Amino acid sequence: MNLADTVRVVLKEKGQDVWSVTPDVWVFDAIEMMASKHVGALLVIDQDRLVGIISERDYARKVILEGKSSKQTRVLEIMTSPAIFVAPESSVEGCMRIMTKNHIRHLPIVESEKVLGVVSIGDLVKWIISAHEETIEHLQHYIAGQYPG
């Protein structure tokens, strides 16, 4: 594991489950799905195309704070669109940079207009921590004279 690894490798490790809704779904139903799947965002897919993303942050800012009803508001009205996404060959480090710059916590991975999966900021932080732990272990073995070669 290292920062130059691609998100394709991360997806293989974490799994490629994609939870999504269509734009015409009620926000309440989307939030209910997020809760049942234990995720903080859902992709919004219409006719097999990624058209946006809806997150808990969208709900808080665009429904609760505006005094709307989640049972009378469609996902289309509050989703973030267009969704920022990356190709599967994007590096972990590059994805972290994109997520930090755009203040987002979920990043869809798309290839030839097909959604392959989603990585969260937590997935990438976990990957980076593991990479650093491996580097530290190798350095400790090297310093202790236990390094092969």
Protein backbone atom coordinates (compact mmCIF):
# COMPACT_ATOMS: atom_id res chain seq x y z
CA MET A 1 0.00 0.00 0.00
CA ASN A 2 1.22 3.47 -0.87
CA LEU A 3 0.01 6.91 -1.89
CA ALA A 4 0.66 6.20 -5.57
CA ASP A 5 -1.76 3.25 -5.52
CA THR A 6 -4.83 3.74 -7.67
CA VAL A 7 -8.36 3.88 -6.36
CA ARG A 8 -9.06 0.78 -8.43
CA VAL A 9 -6.83 -1.08 -5.94
CA VAL A 10 -8.64 0.57 -3.02
CA LEU A 11 -12.02 -0.52 -4.42
CA LYS A 12 -10.82 -4.12 -4.75
CA GLU A 13 -9.80 -4.06 -1.09
CA LYS A 14 -12.87 -2.33 0.35
CA GLY A 15 -15.53 -3.67 -2.00
CA GLN A 16 -17.48 -2.08 -4.79
CA ASP A 17 -20.95 -1.74 -3.31
CA VAL A 18 -22.75 1.23 -4.82
CA TRP A 19 -25.84 2.56 -3.10
CA SER A 20 -27.91 4.86 -5.26
CA VAL A 21 -31.28 6.50 -5.79
CA THR A 22 -32.96 8.14 -8.73
CA PRO A 23 -33.54 11.92 -8.82
CA ASP A 24 -37.30 11.56 -8.33
CA VAL A 25 -37.05 9.75 -4.97
CA TRP A 26 -38.24 11.60 -1.85
CA VAL A 27 -35.37 12.88 0.30
CA PHE A 28 -36.85 11.02 3.30
CA ASP A 29 -36.44 7.70 1.46
CA ALA A 30 -32.85 8.57 0.52
CA ILE A 31 -31.98 9.44 4.13
CA GLU A 32 -33.66 6.25 5.29
CA MET A 33 -31.50 4.26 2.84
CA MET A 34 -28.34 6.01 4.04
CA ALA A 35 -29.21 5.04 7.61
CA SER A 36 -29.94 1.41 6.75
CA LYS A 37 -26.74 1.06 4.68
CA HIS A 38 -24.62 2.99 7.21
CA VAL A 39 -23.34 5.44 4.60
CA GLY A 40 -23.16 9.23 4.49
CA ALA A 41 -24.04 9.69 0.83
CA LEU A 42 -25.82 8.07 -2.09
CA LEU A 43 -25.12 8.40 -5.77
CA VAL A 44 -27.96 9.76 -7.85
CA ILE A 45 -28.23 7.71 -11.02
CA ASP A 46 -30.68 8.29 -13.85
CA GLN A 47 -30.82 5.93 -16.84
CA ASP A 48 -27.50 4.33 -15.81
CA ARG A 49 -25.74 7.71 -15.69
CA LEU A 50 -24.32 9.45 -12.64
CA VAL A 51 -26.22 12.74 -12.40
CA GLY A 52 -25.39 13.79 -8.86
CA ILE A 53 -24.79 12.82 -5.26
CA ILE A 54 -26.87 13.39 -2.15
CA SER A 55 -25.20 13.53 1.24
CA GLU A 56 -26.17 14.06 4.84
CA ARG A 57 -24.64 17.51 4.45
CA ASP A 58 -27.02 18.29 1.55
CA TYR A 59 -29.92 17.19 3.74
CA ALA A 60 -28.84 19.32 6.69
CA ARG A 61 -28.18 22.45 4.66
CA LYS A 62 -30.89 22.26 1.99
CA VAL A 63 -33.78 20.66 3.83
CA ILE A 64 -33.48 21.16 7.59
CA LEU A 65 -31.99 24.66 7.54
CA GLU A 66 -34.42 25.82 4.87
CA GLY A 67 -37.43 24.43 6.74
CA LYS A 68 -38.40 22.00 3.98
CA SER A 69 -40.04 18.62 4.48
CA SER A 70 -38.00 15.57 3.52
CA LYS A 71 -41.24 13.80 2.64
CA GLN A 72 -42.20 16.55 0.18
CA THR A 73 -38.80 17.28 -1.36
CA ARG A 74 -37.29 15.28 -4.20
CA VAL A 75 -33.61 14.31 -4.30
CA LEU A 76 -33.34 16.29 -7.56
CA GLU A 77 -34.02 19.50 -5.62
CA ILE A 78 -31.12 19.15 -3.18
CA MET A 79 -28.52 16.86 -4.75
CA THR A 80 -25.07 18.13 -5.63
CA SER A 81 -24.82 18.14 -9.39
CA PRO A 82 -22.75 17.55 -11.33
CA ALA A 83 -20.99 15.08 -9.07
CA ILE A 84 -17.22 15.28 -8.91
CA PHE A 85 -15.76 11.90 -9.87
CA VAL A 86 -12.46 10.32 -10.86
CA ALA A 87 -11.20 7.54 -13.09
CA PRO A 88 -10.14 4.25 -11.48
CA GLU A 89 -6.48 4.93 -12.34
CA SER A 90 -6.42 8.07 -10.18
CA SER A 91 -3.98 7.89 -7.29
CA VAL A 92 -4.98 7.83 -3.64
CA GLU A 93 -2.96 11.00 -3.13
CA GLY A 94 -4.68 12.73 -6.08
CA CYS A 95 -8.12 11.76 -4.78
CA MET A 96 -7.29 13.12 -1.33
CA ARG A 97 -6.24 16.39 -2.97
CA ILE A 98 -9.53 16.59 -4.95
CA MET A 99 -11.65 15.80 -1.90
CA THR A 100 -9.83 18.33 0.28
CA LYS A 101 -9.96 21.09 -2.35
CA ASN A 102 -13.69 20.57 -2.99
CA HIS A 103 -14.69 19.91 0.64
CA ILE A 104 -16.31 16.57 -0.21
CA ARG A 105 -16.27 13.29 1.68
CA HIS A 106 -17.37 10.84 -1.05
CA LEU A 107 -15.87 10.38 -4.48
CA PRO A 108 -17.45 8.20 -7.18
CA ILE A 109 -15.11 6.17 -9.37
CA VAL A 110 -16.31 6.17 -12.98
CA GLU A 111 -14.97 4.43 -16.09
CA SER A 112 -16.60 4.84 -19.51
CA GLU A 113 -19.66 6.42 -17.85
CA LYS A 114 -20.10 3.33 -15.62
CA VAL A 115 -19.90 3.77 -11.86
CA LEU A 116 -17.43 1.25 -10.43
CA GLY A 117 -17.72 2.30 -6.80
CA VAL A 118 -17.28 5.08 -4.27
CA VAL A 119 -14.44 5.91 -1.93
CA SER A 120 -14.92 7.97 1.19
CA ILE A 121 -12.40 10.20 2.89
CA GLY A 122 -12.30 7.54 5.61
CA ASP A 123 -11.37 4.83 3.10
CA LEU A 124 -8.47 6.93 1.83
CA VAL A 125 -7.24 7.93 5.29
CA LYS A 126 -7.27 4.26 6.30
CA TRP A 127 -5.26 3.41 3.15
CA ILE A 128 -2.71 6.15 3.87
CA ILE A 129 -2.30 5.07 7.50
CA SER A 130 -1.67 1.48 6.38
CA ALA A 131 0.90 2.71 3.85
CA HIS A 132 2.72 4.68 6.54
CA GLU A 133 2.64 1.72 8.93
CA GLU A 134 4.25 -0.49 6.26
CA THR A 135 6.95 2.11 5.62
CA ILE A 136 7.70 2.41 9.34
CA GLU A 137 7.92 -1.36 9.69
CA HIS A 138 10.35 -1.61 6.76
CA LEU A 139 12.48 1.18 8.19
CA GLN A 140 12.55 -0.47 11.62
CA HIS A 141 13.71 -3.75 10.06
CA TYR A 142 16.34 -1.90 8.05
CA ILE A 143 17.68 -0.03 11.09
CA ALA A 144 17.74 -3.24 13.16
CA GLY A 145 19.70 -4.98 10.42
CA GLN A 146 16.83 -7.36 9.65
CA TYR A 147 16.20 -6.01 6.19
CA PRO A 148 16.54 -8.65 3.44
CA GLY A 149 19.26 -7.99 0.89
